[in-house]
Amino acid sequence: MRLDENLDKLTEIVGGCERIISTPIPYSYRVLLHRTVYLYCFLLPFGLVDSLQWLTPFIVVFIAYTFVAFEAIADEIEQPFGMESNDLALNEMCRMIEATLMELDGNEIPEIIVKKSGTID
């Protein structure tokens, strides 16, 4: 009975992951986000110049860098399941789970599963 509950939870999680991978961010949303960020960064100095005076360029550069970085991050995390270096390390996680299950079952862990560095890449 407990195994069935775990399999049901695993099925729900896999379904959620499939929904994430098959639902890209719409192009119009991406364009709107891009234009809004750049328009805000362009108009920001005009709103801050009276109160910050000579500090305006430094503060605006910092805020603009932050917003442009957020936009770049949004583009990167749109597709988290892939083979790029900044994607989720699903293969390594699966190997780790497989090795743990084999160890719990009392089986010997093959060398293919054991990672030399001991970290998830």
PDB file of N, CA and C in Angstrom:
ATOM      1  N   MET A   1       0.824  -1.180   0.000  1.00  0.00           N
ATOM      2  CA  MET A   1       0.000   0.000   0.000  1.00  0.00           C
ATOM      3  C   MET A   1       0.883   1.264   0.000  1.00  0.00           C
ATOM      4  N   ARG A   2       1.942   1.256   0.763  1.00  0.00           N
ATOM      5  CA  ARG A   2       2.850   2.407   0.831  1.00  0.00           C
ATOM      6  C   ARG A   2       3.557   2.614  -0.515  1.00  0.00           C
ATOM      7  N   LEU A   3       3.894   1.518  -1.190  1.00  0.00           N
ATOM      8  CA  LEU A   3       4.545   1.604  -2.495  1.00  0.00           C
ATOM      9  C   LEU A   3       3.620   2.265  -3.511  1.00  0.00           C
ATOM     10  N   ASP A   4       2.343   1.925  -3.455  1.00  0.00           N
ATOM     11  CA  ASP A   4       1.383   2.551  -4.372  1.00  0.00           C
ATOM     12  C   ASP A   4       1.286   4.056  -4.146  1.00  0.00           C
ATOM     13  N   GLU A   5       1.323   4.476  -2.883  1.00  0.00           N
ATOM     14  CA  GLU A   5       1.263   5.908  -2.587  1.00  0.00           C
ATOM     15  C   GLU A   5       2.490   6.619  -3.146  1.00  0.00           C
ATOM     16  N   ASN A   6       3.659   6.017  -2.982  1.00  0.00           N
ATOM     17  CA  ASN A   6       4.883   6.610  -3.507  1.00  0.00           C
ATOM     18  C   ASN A   6       4.872   6.668  -5.026  1.00  0.00           C
ATOM     19  N   LEU A   7       4.370   5.631  -5.668  1.00  0.00           N
ATOM     20  CA  LEU A   7       4.281   5.646  -7.132  1.00  0.00           C
ATOM     21  C   LEU A   7       3.295   6.701  -7.615  1.00  0.00           C
ATOM     22  N   ASP A   8       2.194   6.873  -6.889  1.00  0.00           N
ATOM     23  CA  ASP A   8       1.241   7.925  -7.252  1.00  0.00           C
ATOM     24  C   ASP A   8       1.880   9.307  -7.138  1.00  0.00           C
ATOM     25  N   LYS A   9       2.645   9.538  -6.061  1.00  0.00           N
ATOM     26  CA  LYS A   9       3.328  10.820  -5.900  1.00  0.00           C
ATOM     27  C   LYS A   9       4.360  11.036  -7.003  1.00  0.00           C
ATOM     28  N   LEU A  10       5.105   9.969  -7.334  1.00  0.00           N
ATOM     29  CA  LEU A  10       6.098  10.072  -8.403  1.00  0.00           C
ATOM     30  C   LEU A  10       5.435  10.397  -9.734  1.00  0.00           C
ATOM     31  N   THR A  11       4.290   9.776  -9.999  1.00  0.00           N
ATOM     32  CA  THR A  11       3.548  10.043 -11.236  1.00  0.00           C
ATOM     33  C   THR A  11       3.091  11.504 -11.284  1.00  0.00           C
ATOM     34  N   GLU A  12       2.630  12.037 -10.147  1.00  0.00           N
ATOM     35  CA  GLU A  12       2.225  13.442 -10.095  1.00  0.00           C
ATOM     36  C   GLU A  12       3.407  14.368 -10.359  1.00  0.00           C
ATOM     37  N   ILE A  13       4.551  14.037  -9.773  1.00  0.00           N
ATOM     38  CA  ILE A  13       5.736  14.872  -9.959  1.00  0.00           C
ATOM     39  C   ILE A  13       6.193  14.847 -11.408  1.00  0.00           C
ATOM     40  N   VAL A  14       6.210  13.662 -12.015  1.00  0.00           N
ATOM     41  CA  VAL A  14       6.610  13.553 -13.423  1.00  0.00           C
ATOM     42  C   VAL A  14       5.636  14.323 -14.305  1.00  0.00           C
ATOM     43  N   GLY A  15       4.345  14.245 -13.990  1.00  0.00           N
ATOM     44  CA  GLY A  15       3.348  15.017 -14.749  1.00  0.00           C
ATOM     45  C   GLY A  15       3.591  16.510 -14.640  1.00  0.00           C
ATOM     46  N   GLY A  16       3.957  16.981 -13.433  1.00  0.00           N
ATOM     47  CA  GLY A  16       4.276  18.395 -13.249  1.00  0.00           C
ATOM     48  C   GLY A  16       5.487  18.812 -14.058  1.00  0.00           C
ATOM     49  N   CYS A  17       6.508  17.955 -14.078  1.00  0.00           N
ATOM     50  CA  CYS A  17       7.706  18.258 -14.867  1.00  0.00           C
ATOM     51  C   CYS A  17       7.390  18.299 -16.361  1.00  0.00           C
ATOM     52  N   GLU A  18       6.527  17.394 -16.815  1.00  0.00           N
ATOM     53  CA  GLU A  18       6.146  17.400 -18.232  1.00  0.00           C
ATOM     54  C   GLU A  18       5.369  18.664 -18.583  1.00  0.00           C
ATOM     55  N   ARG A  19       4.540  19.139 -17.650  1.00  0.00           N
ATOM     56  CA  ARG A  19       3.817  20.398 -17.900  1.00  0.00           C
ATOM     57  C   ARG A  19       4.787  21.575 -17.969  1.00  0.00           C
ATOM     58  N   ILE A  20       5.816  21.564 -17.127  1.00  0.00           N
ATOM     59  CA  ILE A  20       6.806  22.644 -17.155  1.00  0.00           C
ATOM     60  C   ILE A  20       7.529  22.669 -18.498  1.00  0.00           C
ATOM     61  N   ILE A  21       7.981  21.506 -18.959  1.00  0.00           N
ATOM     62  CA  ILE A  21       8.767  21.447 -20.200  1.00  0.00           C
ATOM     63  C   ILE A  21       7.911  21.758 -21.427  1.00  0.00           C
ATOM     64  N   SER A  22       6.618  21.457 -21.368  1.00  0.00           N
ATOM     65  CA  SER A  22       5.787  21.650 -22.562  1.00  0.00           C
ATOM     66  C   SER A  22       5.058  22.998 -22.560  1.00  0.00           C
ATOM     67  N   THR A  23       5.290  23.836 -21.559  1.00  0.00           N
ATOM     68  CA  THR A  23       4.632  25.137 -21.497  1.00  0.00           C
ATOM     69  C   THR A  23       5.677  26.241 -21.547  1.00  0.00           C
ATOM     70  N   PRO A  24       6.093  26.653 -22.737  1.00  0.00           N
ATOM     71  CA  PRO A  24       7.085  27.729 -22.825  1.00  0.00           C
ATOM     72  C   PRO A  24       6.451  29.081 -22.521  1.00  0.00           C
ATOM     73  N   ILE A  25       7.291  30.036 -22.190  1.00  0.00           N
ATOM     74  CA  ILE A  25       6.811  31.397 -21.974  1.00  0.00           C
ATOM     75  C   ILE A  25       6.407  31.963 -23.343  1.00  0.00           C
ATOM     76  N   PRO A  26       5.194  32.504 -23.456  1.00  0.00           N
ATOM     77  CA  PRO A  26       4.756  33.046 -24.749  1.00  0.00           C
ATOM     78  C   PRO A  26       5.683  34.154 -25.238  1.00  0.00           C
ATOM     79  N   TYR A  27       5.843  34.211 -26.537  1.00  0.00           N
ATOM     80  CA  TYR A  27       6.726  35.214 -27.151  1.00  0.00           C
ATOM     81  C   TYR A  27       6.285  36.620 -26.800  1.00  0.00           C
ATOM     82  N   SER A  28       4.983  36.877 -26.808  1.00  0.00           N
ATOM     83  CA  SER A  28       4.492  38.230 -26.518  1.00  0.00           C
ATOM     84  C   SER A  28       4.841  38.639 -25.092  1.00  0.00           C
ATOM     85  N   TYR A  29       4.813  37.705 -24.147  1.00  0.00           N
ATOM     86  CA  TYR A  29       5.197  38.013 -22.772  1.00  0.00           C
ATOM     87  C   TYR A  29       6.680  38.358 -22.701  1.00  0.00           C
ATOM     88  N   ARG A  30       7.496  37.601 -23.426  1.00  0.00           N
ATOM     89  CA  ARG A  30       8.938  37.849 -23.435  1.00  0.00           C
ATOM     90  C   ARG A  30       9.251  39.231 -24.027  1.00  0.00           C
ATOM     91  N   VAL A  31       8.574  39.587 -25.113  1.00  0.00           N
ATOM     92  CA  VAL A  31       8.789  40.897 -25.733  1.00  0.00           C
ATOM     93  C   VAL A  31       8.333  42.012 -24.799  1.00  0.00           C
ATOM     94  N   LEU A  32       7.177  41.831 -24.162  1.00  0.00           N
ATOM     95  CA  LEU A  32       6.670  42.835 -23.225  1.00  0.00           C
ATOM     96  C   LEU A  32       7.632  43.015 -22.052  1.00  0.00           C
ATOM     97  N   LEU A  33       8.133  41.938 -21.509  1.00  0.00           N
ATOM     98  CA  LEU A  33       9.084  42.008 -20.411  1.00  0.00           C
ATOM     99  C   LEU A  33      10.363  42.733 -20.843  1.00  0.00           C
ATOM    100  N   HIS A  34      10.870  42.381 -22.010  1.00  0.00           N
ATOM    101  CA  HIS A  34      12.097  42.992 -22.530  1.00  0.00           C
ATOM    102  C   HIS A  34      11.925  44.501 -22.708  1.00  0.00           C
ATOM    103  N   ARG A  35      10.846  44.904 -23.360  1.00  0.00           N
ATOM    104  CA  ARG A  35      10.624  46.333 -23.616  1.00  0.00           C
ATOM    105  C   ARG A  35      10.362  47.101 -22.329  1.00  0.00           C
ATOM    106  N   THR A  36       9.634  46.492 -21.400  1.00  0.00           N
ATOM    107  CA  THR A  36       9.350  47.163 -20.131  1.00  0.00           C
ATOM    108  C   THR A  36      10.630  47.391 -19.336  1.00  0.00           C
ATOM    109  N   VAL A  37      11.497  46.405 -19.300  1.00  0.00           N
ATOM    110  CA  VAL A  37      12.763  46.540 -18.569  1.00  0.00           C
ATOM    111  C   VAL A  37      13.596  47.662 -19.167  1.00  0.00           C
ATOM    112  N   TYR A  38      13.734  47.678 -20.475  1.00  0.00           N
ATOM    113  CA  TYR A  38      14.574  48.700 -21.099  1.00  0.00           C
ATOM    114  C   TYR A  38      13.949  50.091 -21.028  1.00  0.00           C
ATOM    115  N   LEU A  39      12.642  50.198 -21.143  1.00  0.00           N
ATOM    116  CA  LEU A  39      11.975  51.491 -21.003  1.00  0.00           C
ATOM    117  C   LEU A  39      12.116  52.015 -19.576  1.00  0.00           C
ATOM    118  N   TYR A  40      11.935  51.149 -18.600  1.00  0.00           N
ATOM    119  CA  TYR A  40      12.098  51.549 -17.203  1.00  0.00           C
ATOM    120  C   TYR A  40      13.525  52.023 -16.941  1.00  0.00           C
ATOM    121  N   CYS A  41      14.494  51.268 -17.440  1.00  0.00           N
ATOM    122  CA  CYS A  41      15.904  51.644 -17.232  1.00  0.00           C
ATOM    123  C   CYS A  41      16.257  52.949 -17.953  1.00  0.00           C
ATOM    124  N   PHE A  42      15.609  53.196 -19.079  1.00  0.00           N
ATOM    125  CA  PHE A  42      15.854  54.451 -19.808  1.00  0.00           C
ATOM    126  C   PHE A  42      15.265  55.645 -19.066  1.00  0.00           C
ATOM    127  N   LEU A  43      14.070  55.477 -18.490  1.00  0.00           N
ATOM    128  CA  LEU A  43      13.387  56.594 -17.832  1.00  0.00           C
ATOM    129  C   LEU A  43      13.804  56.780 -16.373  1.00  0.00           C
ATOM    130  N   LEU A  44      14.436  55.803 -15.784  1.00  0.00           N
ATOM    131  CA  LEU A  44      14.810  55.868 -14.370  1.00  0.00           C
ATOM    132  C   LEU A  44      15.687  57.062 -14.007  1.00  0.00           C
ATOM    133  N   PRO A  45      16.698  57.410 -14.780  1.00  0.00           N
ATOM    134  CA  PRO A  45      17.529  58.555 -14.387  1.00  0.00           C
ATOM    135  C   PRO A  45      16.752  59.870 -14.293  1.00  0.00           C
ATOM    136  N   PHE A  46      15.762  60.031 -15.161  1.00  0.00           N
ATOM    137  CA  PHE A  46      14.984  61.272 -15.132  1.00  0.00           C
ATOM    138  C   PHE A  46      14.167  61.389 -13.847  1.00  0.00           C
ATOM    139  N   GLY A  47      13.764  60.267 -13.285  1.00  0.00           N
ATOM    140  CA  GLY A  47      13.001  60.285 -12.041  1.00  0.00           C
ATOM    141  C   GLY A  47      13.872  60.421 -10.802  1.00  0.00           C
ATOM    142  N   LEU A  48      15.125  60.036 -10.904  1.00  0.00           N
ATOM    143  CA  LEU A  48      15.998  60.050  -9.731  1.00  0.00           C
ATOM    144  C   LEU A  48      16.961  61.224  -9.673  1.00  0.00           C
ATOM    145  N   VAL A  49      17.121  61.956 -10.750  1.00  0.00           N
ATOM    146  CA  VAL A  49      18.161  62.991 -10.812  1.00  0.00           C
ATOM    147  C   VAL A  49      17.940  64.100  -9.788  1.00  0.00           C
ATOM    148  N   ASP A  50      16.703  64.460  -9.498  1.00  0.00           N
ATOM    149  CA  ASP A  50      16.453  65.534  -8.521  1.00  0.00           C
ATOM    150  C   ASP A  50      16.821  65.109  -7.103  1.00  0.00           C
ATOM    151  N   SER A  51      16.546  63.872  -6.770  1.00  0.00           N
ATOM    152  CA  SER A  51      16.797  63.446  -5.394  1.00  0.00           C
ATOM    153  C   SER A  51      18.220  62.915  -5.175  1.00  0.00           C
ATOM    154  N   LEU A  52      18.811  62.285  -6.164  1.00  0.00           N
ATOM    155  CA  LEU A  52      20.141  61.689  -5.982  1.00  0.00           C
ATOM    156  C   LEU A  52      21.276  62.548  -6.524  1.00  0.00           C
ATOM    157  N   GLN A  53      20.979  63.436  -7.407  1.00  0.00           N
ATOM    158  CA  GLN A  53      21.934  64.345  -8.041  1.00  0.00           C
ATOM    159  C   GLN A  53      23.131  63.587  -8.635  1.00  0.00           C
ATOM    160  N   TRP A  54      24.331  63.789  -8.112  1.00  0.00           N
ATOM    161  CA  TRP A  54      25.520  63.198  -8.741  1.00  0.00           C
ATOM    162  C   TRP A  54      25.613  61.678  -8.531  1.00  0.00           C
ATOM    163  N   LEU A  55      24.833  61.104  -7.628  1.00  0.00           N
ATOM    164  CA  LEU A  55      24.831  59.642  -7.437  1.00  0.00           C
ATOM    165  C   LEU A  55      23.936  58.925  -8.458  1.00  0.00           C
ATOM    166  N   THR A  56      23.157  59.692  -9.205  1.00  0.00           N
ATOM    167  CA  THR A  56      22.193  59.101 -10.148  1.00  0.00           C
ATOM    168  C   THR A  56      22.820  58.081 -11.098  1.00  0.00           C
ATOM    169  N   PRO A  57      23.930  58.380 -11.770  1.00  0.00           N
ATOM    170  CA  PRO A  57      24.473  57.391 -12.715  1.00  0.00           C
ATOM    171  C   PRO A  57      24.846  56.054 -12.043  1.00  0.00           C
ATOM    172  N   PHE A  58      25.408  56.129 -10.850  1.00  0.00           N
ATOM    173  CA  PHE A  58      25.829  54.901 -10.165  1.00  0.00           C
ATOM    174  C   PHE A  58      24.625  54.048  -9.751  1.00  0.00           C
ATOM    175  N   ILE A  59      23.631  54.683  -9.188  1.00  0.00           N
ATOM    176  CA  ILE A  59      22.430  53.971  -8.752  1.00  0.00           C
ATOM    177  C   ILE A  59      21.680  53.408  -9.957  1.00  0.00           C
ATOM    178  N   VAL A  60      21.568  54.190 -11.016  1.00  0.00           N
ATOM    179  CA  VAL A  60      20.850  53.742 -12.218  1.00  0.00           C
ATOM    180  C   VAL A  60      21.567  52.556 -12.866  1.00  0.00           C
ATOM    181  N   VAL A  61      22.883  52.604 -12.934  1.00  0.00           N
ATOM    182  CA  VAL A  61      23.632  51.486 -13.516  1.00  0.00           C
ATOM    183  C   VAL A  61      23.402  50.222 -12.694  1.00  0.00           C
ATOM    184  N   PHE A  62      23.436  50.345 -11.374  1.00  0.00           N
ATOM    185  CA  PHE A  62      23.210  49.181 -10.519  1.00  0.00           C
ATOM    186  C   PHE A  62      21.804  48.609 -10.715  1.00  0.00           C
ATOM    187  N   ILE A  63      20.793  49.466 -10.706  1.00  0.00           N
ATOM    188  CA  ILE A  63      19.407  49.011 -10.877  1.00  0.00           C
ATOM    189  C   ILE A  63      19.204  48.433 -12.272  1.00  0.00           C
ATOM    190  N   ALA A  64      19.732  49.078 -13.292  1.00  0.00           N
ATOM    191  CA  ALA A  64      19.583  48.579 -14.667  1.00  0.00           C
ATOM    192  C   ALA A  64      20.259  47.228 -14.823  1.00  0.00           C
ATOM    193  N   TYR A  65      21.445  47.078 -14.259  1.00  0.00           N
ATOM    194  CA  TYR A  65      22.142  45.793 -14.326  1.00  0.00           C
ATOM    195  C   TYR A  65      21.305  44.691 -13.669  1.00  0.00           C
ATOM    196  N   THR A  66      20.707  45.009 -12.536  1.00  0.00           N
ATOM    197  CA  THR A  66      19.881  44.028 -11.827  1.00  0.00           C
ATOM    198  C   THR A  66      18.678  43.614 -12.665  1.00  0.00           C
ATOM    199  N   PHE A  67      17.989  44.563 -13.253  1.00  0.00           N
ATOM    200  CA  PHE A  67      16.805  44.238 -14.051  1.00  0.00           C
ATOM    201  C   PHE A  67      17.163  43.465 -15.326  1.00  0.00           C
ATOM    202  N   VAL A  68      18.232  43.850 -15.984  1.00  0.00           N
ATOM    203  CA  VAL A  68      18.658  43.131 -17.194  1.00  0.00           C
ATOM    204  C   VAL A  68      19.106  41.713 -16.822  1.00  0.00           C
ATOM    205  N   ALA A  69      19.750  41.563 -15.671  1.00  0.00           N
ATOM    206  CA  ALA A  69      20.147  40.229 -15.211  1.00  0.00           C
ATOM    207  C   ALA A  69      18.921  39.368 -14.910  1.00  0.00           C
ATOM    208  N   PHE A  70      17.896  39.958 -14.293  1.00  0.00           N
ATOM    209  CA  PHE A  70      16.661  39.205 -14.042  1.00  0.00           C
ATOM    210  C   PHE A  70      16.036  38.728 -15.345  1.00  0.00           C
ATOM    211  N   GLU A  71      16.075  39.563 -16.363  1.00  0.00           N
ATOM    212  CA  GLU A  71      15.527  39.169 -17.664  1.00  0.00           C
ATOM    213  C   GLU A  71      16.335  38.018 -18.272  1.00  0.00           C
ATOM    214  N   ALA A  72      17.656  38.086 -18.156  1.00  0.00           N
ATOM    215  CA  ALA A  72      18.508  37.008 -18.665  1.00  0.00           C
ATOM    216  C   ALA A  72      18.271  35.710 -17.901  1.00  0.00           C
ATOM    217  N   ILE A  73      18.086  35.810 -16.602  1.00  0.00           N
ATOM    218  CA  ILE A  73      17.804  34.628 -15.793  1.00  0.00           C
ATOM    219  C   ILE A  73      16.469  34.013 -16.203  1.00  0.00           C
ATOM    220  N   ALA A  74      15.476  34.853 -16.457  1.00  0.00           N
ATOM    221  CA  ALA A  74      14.169  34.346 -16.884  1.00  0.00           C
ATOM    222  C   ALA A  74      14.288  33.566 -18.192  1.00  0.00           C
ATOM    223  N   ASP A  75      15.126  34.036 -19.109  1.00  0.00           N
ATOM    224  CA  ASP A  75      15.334  33.306 -20.362  1.00  0.00           C
ATOM    225  C   ASP A  75      16.028  31.968 -20.119  1.00  0.00           C
ATOM    226  N   GLU A  76      16.968  31.940 -19.185  1.00  0.00           N
ATOM    227  CA  GLU A  76      17.720  30.711 -18.924  1.00  0.00           C
ATOM    228  C   GLU A  76      16.878  29.651 -18.227  1.00  0.00           C
ATOM    229  N   ILE A  77      16.034  30.053 -17.282  1.00  0.00           N
ATOM    230  CA  ILE A  77      15.284  29.056 -16.521  1.00  0.00           C
ATOM    231  C   ILE A  77      13.966  28.659 -17.189  1.00  0.00           C
ATOM    232  N   GLU A  78      13.719  29.202 -18.367  1.00  0.00           N
ATOM    233  CA  GLU A  78      12.495  28.821 -19.080  1.00  0.00           C
ATOM    234  C   GLU A  78      12.493  27.337 -19.407  1.00  0.00           C
ATOM    235  N   GLN A  79      13.636  26.768 -19.739  1.00  0.00           N
ATOM    236  CA  GLN A  79      13.769  25.352 -20.065  1.00  0.00           C
ATOM    237  C   GLN A  79      14.777  24.707 -19.100  1.00  0.00           C
ATOM    238  N   PRO A  80      14.339  24.258 -17.926  1.00  0.00           N
ATOM    239  CA  PRO A  80      15.287  23.728 -16.939  1.00  0.00           C
ATOM    240  C   PRO A  80      15.765  22.315 -17.223  1.00  0.00           C
ATOM    241  N   PHE A  81      15.082  21.591 -18.116  1.00  0.00           N
ATOM    242  CA  PHE A  81      15.441  20.205 -18.388  1.00  0.00           C
ATOM    243  C   PHE A  81      16.188  20.133 -19.707  1.00  0.00           C
ATOM    244  N   GLY A  82      17.486  20.013 -19.636  1.00  0.00           N
ATOM    245  CA  GLY A  82      18.294  19.940 -20.840  1.00  0.00           C
ATOM    246  C   GLY A  82      19.663  19.401 -20.523  1.00  0.00           C
ATOM    247  N   MET A  83      20.585  19.604 -21.438  1.00  0.00           N
ATOM    248  CA  MET A  83      21.932  19.065 -21.270  1.00  0.00           C
ATOM    249  C   MET A  83      22.986  20.158 -21.119  1.00  0.00           C
ATOM    250  N   GLU A  84      22.576  21.421 -21.008  1.00  0.00           N
ATOM    251  CA  GLU A  84      23.533  22.501 -20.815  1.00  0.00           C
ATOM    252  C   GLU A  84      24.065  22.483 -19.388  1.00  0.00           C
ATOM    253  N   SER A  85      25.169  23.169 -19.160  1.00  0.00           N
ATOM    254  CA  SER A  85      25.807  23.129 -17.843  1.00  0.00           C
ATOM    255  C   SER A  85      24.959  23.761 -16.745  1.00  0.00           C
ATOM    256  N   ASN A  86      24.078  24.694 -17.069  1.00  0.00           N
ATOM    257  CA  ASN A  86      23.264  25.343 -16.048  1.00  0.00           C
ATOM    258  C   ASN A  86      21.870  24.742 -15.913  1.00  0.00           C
ATOM    259  N   ASP A  87      21.600  23.627 -16.571  1.00  0.00           N
ATOM    260  CA  ASP A  87      20.326  22.936 -16.433  1.00  0.00           C
ATOM    261  C   ASP A  87      20.372  21.997 -15.236  1.00  0.00           C
ATOM    262  N   LEU A  88      19.216  21.491 -14.860  1.00  0.00           N
ATOM    263  CA  LEU A  88      19.158  20.547 -13.751  1.00  0.00           C
ATOM    264  C   LEU A  88      19.935  19.282 -14.096  1.00  0.00           C
ATOM    265  N   ALA A  89      20.674  18.759 -13.148  1.00  0.00           N
ATOM    266  CA  ALA A  89      21.499  17.567 -13.364  1.00  0.00           C
ATOM    267  C   ALA A  89      20.659  16.321 -13.113  1.00  0.00           C
ATOM    268  N   LEU A  90      19.689  16.077 -13.976  1.00  0.00           N
ATOM    269  CA  LEU A  90      18.758  14.973 -13.768  1.00  0.00           C
ATOM    270  C   LEU A  90      19.418  13.611 -13.880  1.00  0.00           C
ATOM    271  N   ASN A  91      20.356  13.444 -14.804  1.00  0.00           N
ATOM    272  CA  ASN A  91      21.031  12.146 -14.941  1.00  0.00           C
ATOM    273  C   ASN A  91      21.791  11.782 -13.678  1.00  0.00           C
ATOM    274  N   GLU A  92      22.497  12.747 -13.113  1.00  0.00           N
ATOM    275  CA  GLU A  92      23.252  12.488 -11.884  1.00  0.00           C
ATOM    276  C   GLU A  92      22.313  12.217 -10.715  1.00  0.00           C
ATOM    277  N   MET A  93      21.220  12.935 -10.658  1.00  0.00           N
ATOM    278  CA  MET A  93      20.250  12.695  -9.584  1.00  0.00           C
ATOM    279  C   MET A  93      19.649  11.301  -9.696  1.00  0.00           C
ATOM    280  N   CYS A  94      19.346  10.873 -10.911  1.00  0.00           N
ATOM    281  CA  CYS A  94      18.800   9.526 -11.122  1.00  0.00           C
ATOM    282  C   CYS A  94      19.819   8.454 -10.748  1.00  0.00           C
ATOM    283  N   ARG A  95      21.083   8.674 -11.083  1.00  0.00           N
ATOM    284  CA  ARG A  95      22.126   7.719 -10.708  1.00  0.00           C
ATOM    285  C   ARG A  95      22.258   7.628  -9.191  1.00  0.00           C
ATOM    286  N   MET A  96      22.151   8.772  -8.530  1.00  0.00           N
ATOM    287  CA  MET A  96      22.254   8.796  -7.079  1.00  0.00           C
ATOM    288  C   MET A  96      21.086   8.046  -6.435  1.00  0.00           C
ATOM    289  N   ILE A  97      19.890   8.264  -6.948  1.00  0.00           N
ATOM    290  CA  ILE A  97      18.703   7.568  -6.443  1.00  0.00           C
ATOM    291  C   ILE A  97      18.824   6.071  -6.692  1.00  0.00           C
ATOM    292  N   GLU A  98      19.283   5.704  -7.898  1.00  0.00           N
ATOM    293  CA  GLU A  98      19.457   4.287  -8.225  1.00  0.00           C
ATOM    294  C   GLU A  98      20.476   3.624  -7.299  1.00  0.00           C
ATOM    295  N   ALA A  99      21.582   4.308  -7.039  1.00  0.00           N
ATOM    296  CA  ALA A  99      22.604   3.747  -6.151  1.00  0.00           C
ATOM    297  C   ALA A  99      22.067   3.598  -4.734  1.00  0.00           C
ATOM    298  N   THR A 100      21.306   4.567  -4.275  1.00  0.00           N
ATOM    299  CA  THR A 100      20.728   4.496  -2.930  1.00  0.00           C
ATOM    300  C   THR A 100      19.741   3.346  -2.819  1.00  0.00           C
ATOM    301  N   LEU A 101      18.900   3.174  -3.842  1.00  0.00           N
ATOM    302  CA  LEU A 101      17.938   2.074  -3.825  1.00  0.00           C
ATOM    303  C   LEU A 101      18.625   0.714  -3.883  1.00  0.00           C
ATOM    304  N   MET A 102      19.690   0.630  -4.680  1.00  0.00           N
ATOM    305  CA  MET A 102      20.429  -0.627  -4.750  1.00  0.00           C
ATOM    306  C   MET A 102      21.104  -0.933  -3.411  1.00  0.00           C
ATOM    307  N   GLU A 103      21.616   0.096  -2.761  1.00  0.00           N
ATOM    308  CA  GLU A 103      22.251  -0.086  -1.456  1.00  0.00           C
ATOM    309  C   GLU A 103      21.229  -0.517  -0.407  1.00  0.00           C
ATOM    310  N   LEU A 104      20.034   0.095  -0.438  1.00  0.00           N
ATOM    311  CA  LEU A 104      18.980  -0.284   0.502  1.00  0.00           C
ATOM    312  C   LEU A 104      18.504  -1.709   0.271  1.00  0.00           C
ATOM    313  N   ASP A 105      18.531  -2.146  -0.984  1.00  0.00           N
ATOM    314  CA  ASP A 105      18.093  -3.496  -1.328  1.00  0.00           C
ATOM    315  C   ASP A 105      19.175  -4.536  -1.039  1.00  0.00           C
ATOM    316  N   GLY A 106      20.379  -4.080  -0.736  1.00  0.00           N
ATOM    317  CA  GLY A 106      21.462  -4.998  -0.416  1.00  0.00           C
ATOM    318  C   GLY A 106      22.272  -5.430  -1.619  1.00  0.00           C
ATOM    319  N   ASN A 107      22.055  -4.805  -2.756  1.00  0.00           N
ATOM    320  CA  ASN A 107      22.809  -5.140  -3.970  1.00  0.00           C
ATOM    321  C   ASN A 107      24.108  -4.348  -4.015  1.00  0.00           C
ATOM    322  N   GLU A 108      25.065  -4.879  -4.753  1.00  0.00           N
ATOM    323  CA  GLU A 108      26.316  -4.162  -4.957  1.00  0.00           C
ATOM    324  C   GLU A 108      26.102  -3.088  -6.023  1.00  0.00           C
ATOM    325  N   ILE A 109      26.688  -1.928  -5.790  1.00  0.00           N
ATOM    326  CA  ILE A 109      26.526  -0.806  -6.717  1.00  0.00           C
ATOM    327  C   ILE A 109      27.577  -0.930  -7.815  1.00  0.00           C
ATOM    328  N   PRO A 110      27.148  -1.012  -9.099  1.00  0.00           N
ATOM    329  CA  PRO A 110      28.125  -1.097 -10.189  1.00  0.00           C
ATOM    330  C   PRO A 110      28.969   0.168 -10.296  1.00  0.00           C
ATOM    331  N   GLU A 111      30.163   0.015 -10.838  1.00  0.00           N
ATOM    332  CA  GLU A 111      31.079   1.157 -10.986  1.00  0.00           C
ATOM    333  C   GLU A 111      30.510   2.235 -11.906  1.00  0.00           C
ATOM    334  N   ILE A 112      29.634   1.862 -12.807  1.00  0.00           N
ATOM    335  CA  ILE A 112      29.043   2.836 -13.744  1.00  0.00           C
ATOM    336  C   ILE A 112      28.241   3.876 -12.980  1.00  0.00           C
ATOM    337  N   ILE A 113      27.585   3.463 -11.916  1.00  0.00           N
ATOM    338  CA  ILE A 113      26.726   4.370 -11.158  1.00  0.00           C
ATOM    339  C   ILE A 113      27.560   5.256 -10.235  1.00  0.00           C
ATOM    340  N   VAL A 114      28.633   4.735  -9.670  1.00  0.00           N
ATOM    341  CA  VAL A 114      29.429   5.475  -8.711  1.00  0.00           C
ATOM    342  C   VAL A 114      30.198   6.591  -9.416  1.00  0.00           C
ATOM    343  N   LYS A 115      30.011   7.787  -8.964  1.00  0.00           N
ATOM    344  CA  LYS A 115      30.682   8.954  -9.532  1.00  0.00           C
ATOM    345  C   LYS A 115      31.990   9.161  -8.773  1.00  0.00           C
ATOM    346  N   LYS A 116      33.050   9.427  -9.488  1.00  0.00           N
ATOM    347  CA  LYS A 116      34.371   9.576  -8.876  1.00  0.00           C
ATOM    348  C   LYS A 116      34.475  10.810  -7.969  1.00  0.00           C
ATOM    349  N   SER A 117      33.905  11.925  -8.393  1.00  0.00           N
ATOM    350  CA  SER A 117      34.071  13.172  -7.641  1.00  0.00           C
ATOM    351  C   SER A 117      33.149  13.244  -6.427  1.00  0.00           C
ATOM    352  N   GLY A 118      32.052  12.490  -6.432  1.00  0.00           N
ATOM    353  CA  GLY A 118      31.124  12.522  -5.322  1.00  0.00           C
ATOM    354  C   GLY A 118      30.194  13.715  -5.328  1.00  0.00           C
ATOM    355  N   THR A 119      30.184  14.494  -6.395  1.00  0.00           N
ATOM    356  CA  THR A 119      29.307  15.654  -6.494  1.00  0.00           C
ATOM    357  C   THR A 119      28.370  15.487  -7.676  1.00  0.00           C
ATOM    358  N   ILE A 120      27.322  16.280  -7.663  1.00  0.00           N
ATOM    359  CA  ILE A 120      26.382  16.290  -8.789  1.00  0.00           C
ATOM    360  C   ILE A 120      26.826  17.365  -9.756  1.00  0.00           C
ATOM    361  N   ASP A 121      27.070  16.975 -10.987  1.00  0.00           N
ATOM    362  CA  ASP A 121      27.493  17.925 -12.024  1.00  0.00           C
ATOM    363  C   ASP A 121      26.308  18.420 -12.809  1.00  0.00           C
TER     364      ASP A 121
END
